[in-house]
Amino acid sequence: MTIRFSSRLDAELKSGSTSVVKLTTAGEYLAYVNSSGQPVSLDYKYLTNLWTHIQIKVNWVTATADIYINDKLRAEGVALTSGVTAVDS
């Protein structure tokens, strides 16, 4: 996962050069980027300099992911990039 910190967050779960799941900020809120390239809010206000636990659980069988923030499910069944079968370690 690549993370850049500033007043916004950009993080990606990658497979080579392909983004499998991308997280960003939309206004003041954390969001994931859907297959159309649009941010979808995770209904969690992003605050700089505050530790936040983000977990992405990938289901390879259904090619989806569930996104948790501070152990609370925020998005379920987020579509992975088509054709991806593994992520970088």
C-alpha atoms as a PDB file:
ATOM      1  CA  MET A   1       0.000   0.000   0.000  1.00  0.00           C
ATOM      2  CA  THR A   2       1.334   3.451  -0.922  1.00  0.00           C
ATOM      3  CA  ILE A   3       0.356   6.306   1.391  1.00  0.00           C
ATOM      4  CA  ARG A   4       1.035  10.032   1.053  1.00  0.00           C
ATOM      5  CA  PHE A   5       0.144  12.253   3.988  1.00  0.00           C
ATOM      6  CA  SER A   6      -0.848  15.892   3.788  1.00  0.00           C
ATOM      7  CA  SER A   7      -4.157  17.618   4.330  1.00  0.00           C
ATOM      8  CA  ARG A   8      -5.605  14.806   2.247  1.00  0.00           C
ATOM      9  CA  LEU A   9      -5.060  11.087   2.075  1.00  0.00           C
ATOM     10  CA  ASP A  10      -4.195   9.009  -0.984  1.00  0.00           C
ATOM     11  CA  ALA A  11      -3.640   5.278  -0.488  1.00  0.00           C
ATOM     12  CA  GLU A  12      -3.714   2.403  -2.930  1.00  0.00           C
ATOM     13  CA  LEU A  13      -3.701  -1.358  -2.696  1.00  0.00           C
ATOM     14  CA  LYS A  14      -1.749  -2.276  -5.843  1.00  0.00           C
ATOM     15  CA  SER A  15      -0.939  -5.197  -8.081  1.00  0.00           C
ATOM     16  CA  GLY A  16       2.151  -4.097  -9.978  1.00  0.00           C
ATOM     17  CA  SER A  17       1.193  -0.776 -11.546  1.00  0.00           C
ATOM     18  CA  THR A  18      -2.565  -1.506 -11.311  1.00  0.00           C
ATOM     19  CA  SER A  19      -4.622   0.075  -8.545  1.00  0.00           C
ATOM     20  CA  VAL A  20      -6.808  -2.627  -6.964  1.00  0.00           C
ATOM     21  CA  VAL A  21      -8.502  -0.403  -4.352  1.00  0.00           C
ATOM     22  CA  LYS A  22      -7.848   3.317  -3.949  1.00  0.00           C
ATOM     23  CA  LEU A  23      -8.660   5.442  -0.905  1.00  0.00           C
ATOM     24  CA  THR A  24      -8.708   9.228  -0.945  1.00  0.00           C
ATOM     25  CA  THR A  25     -10.463  12.148   0.651  1.00  0.00           C
ATOM     26  CA  ALA A  26     -13.617  13.787  -0.674  1.00  0.00           C
ATOM     27  CA  GLY A  27     -13.962  17.112   1.041  1.00  0.00           C
ATOM     28  CA  GLU A  28     -13.405  16.362   4.719  1.00  0.00           C
ATOM     29  CA  TYR A  29     -14.299  12.665   4.470  1.00  0.00           C
ATOM     30  CA  LEU A  30     -12.423   9.486   3.629  1.00  0.00           C
ATOM     31  CA  ALA A  31     -13.647   7.845   0.445  1.00  0.00           C
ATOM     32  CA  TYR A  32     -12.840   5.015  -1.941  1.00  0.00           C
ATOM     33  CA  VAL A  33     -12.654   5.537  -5.686  1.00  0.00           C
ATOM     34  CA  ASN A  34     -15.235   3.462  -7.579  1.00  0.00           C
ATOM     35  CA  SER A  35     -14.809   1.859 -11.021  1.00  0.00           C
ATOM     36  CA  SER A  36     -16.030   5.091 -12.676  1.00  0.00           C
ATOM     37  CA  GLY A  37     -13.240   7.049 -10.971  1.00  0.00           C
ATOM     38  CA  GLN A  38     -15.632   8.835  -8.606  1.00  0.00           C
ATOM     39  CA  PRO A  39     -15.021   9.124  -4.857  1.00  0.00           C
ATOM     40  CA  VAL A  40     -17.601   7.371  -2.670  1.00  0.00           C
ATOM     41  CA  SER A  41     -17.720   8.665   0.911  1.00  0.00           C
ATOM     42  CA  LEU A  42     -16.956   6.268   3.740  1.00  0.00           C
ATOM     43  CA  ASP A  43     -18.794   8.583   6.142  1.00  0.00           C
ATOM     44  CA  TYR A  44     -15.700   9.153   8.280  1.00  0.00           C
ATOM     45  CA  LYS A  45     -14.245  12.615   8.746  1.00  0.00           C
ATOM     46  CA  TYR A  46     -10.523  12.685   7.963  1.00  0.00           C
ATOM     47  CA  LEU A  47      -8.418  14.562  10.508  1.00  0.00           C
ATOM     48  CA  THR A  48      -4.711  15.177   9.932  1.00  0.00           C
ATOM     49  CA  ASN A  49      -2.349  14.090  12.713  1.00  0.00           C
ATOM     50  CA  LEU A  50      -4.898  11.597  14.100  1.00  0.00           C
ATOM     51  CA  TRP A  51      -4.146   7.888  13.944  1.00  0.00           C
ATOM     52  CA  THR A  52      -6.794   6.000  12.002  1.00  0.00           C
ATOM     53  CA  HIS A  53      -6.851   2.212  11.575  1.00  0.00           C
ATOM     54  CA  ILE A  54      -7.882   1.302   8.024  1.00  0.00           C
ATOM     55  CA  GLN A  55      -8.383  -2.316   7.038  1.00  0.00           C
ATOM     56  CA  ILE A  56      -9.268  -3.642   3.592  1.00  0.00           C
ATOM     57  CA  LYS A  57     -10.492  -7.236   3.531  1.00  0.00           C
ATOM     58  CA  VAL A  58     -10.301  -8.677   0.031  1.00  0.00           C
ATOM     59  CA  ASN A  59     -12.529 -11.534  -1.145  1.00  0.00           C
ATOM     60  CA  TRP A  60     -10.848 -12.981  -4.242  1.00  0.00           C
ATOM     61  CA  VAL A  61     -13.764 -15.323  -4.991  1.00  0.00           C
ATOM     62  CA  THR A  62     -16.226 -12.433  -5.397  1.00  0.00           C
ATOM     63  CA  ALA A  63     -13.569  -9.887  -6.536  1.00  0.00           C
ATOM     64  CA  THR A  64     -14.742  -7.447  -3.867  1.00  0.00           C
ATOM     65  CA  ALA A  65     -13.403  -5.788  -0.742  1.00  0.00           C
ATOM     66  CA  ASP A  66     -14.843  -4.627   2.567  1.00  0.00           C
ATOM     67  CA  ILE A  67     -13.379  -1.450   4.053  1.00  0.00           C
ATOM     68  CA  TYR A  68     -13.171  -0.956   7.814  1.00  0.00           C
ATOM     69  CA  ILE A  69     -12.165   2.230   9.629  1.00  0.00           C
ATOM     70  CA  ASN A  70     -11.311   1.868  13.312  1.00  0.00           C
ATOM     71  CA  ASP A  71     -12.843  -1.632  13.242  1.00  0.00           C
ATOM     72  CA  LYS A  72     -16.205  -0.392  11.910  1.00  0.00           C
ATOM     73  CA  LEU A  73     -17.434  -1.614   8.515  1.00  0.00           C
ATOM     74  CA  ARG A  74     -17.738   1.448   6.263  1.00  0.00           C
ATOM     75  CA  ALA A  75     -18.126  -0.140   2.805  1.00  0.00           C
ATOM     76  CA  GLU A  76     -19.078  -3.656   1.812  1.00  0.00           C
ATOM     77  CA  GLY A  77     -18.660  -5.380  -1.549  1.00  0.00           C
ATOM     78  CA  VAL A  78     -16.475  -2.720  -3.177  1.00  0.00           C
ATOM     79  CA  ALA A  79     -15.565  -3.996  -6.656  1.00  0.00           C
ATOM     80  CA  LEU A  80     -11.904  -4.736  -7.278  1.00  0.00           C
ATOM     81  CA  THR A  81     -10.238  -3.819 -10.554  1.00  0.00           C
ATOM     82  CA  SER A  82     -11.207  -6.454 -13.107  1.00  0.00           C
ATOM     83  CA  GLY A  83      -8.730  -9.263 -13.733  1.00  0.00           C
ATOM     84  CA  VAL A  84      -6.582  -8.709 -10.631  1.00  0.00           C
ATOM     85  CA  THR A  85      -5.796 -11.898  -8.690  1.00  0.00           C
ATOM     86  CA  ALA A  86      -3.174 -10.720  -6.171  1.00  0.00           C
ATOM     87  CA  VAL A  87      -1.802  -7.608  -4.487  1.00  0.00           C
ATOM     88  CA  ASP A  88       1.743  -6.471  -3.811  1.00  0.00           C
ATOM     89  CA  SER A  89       3.180  -7.340  -0.429  1.00  0.00           C
END
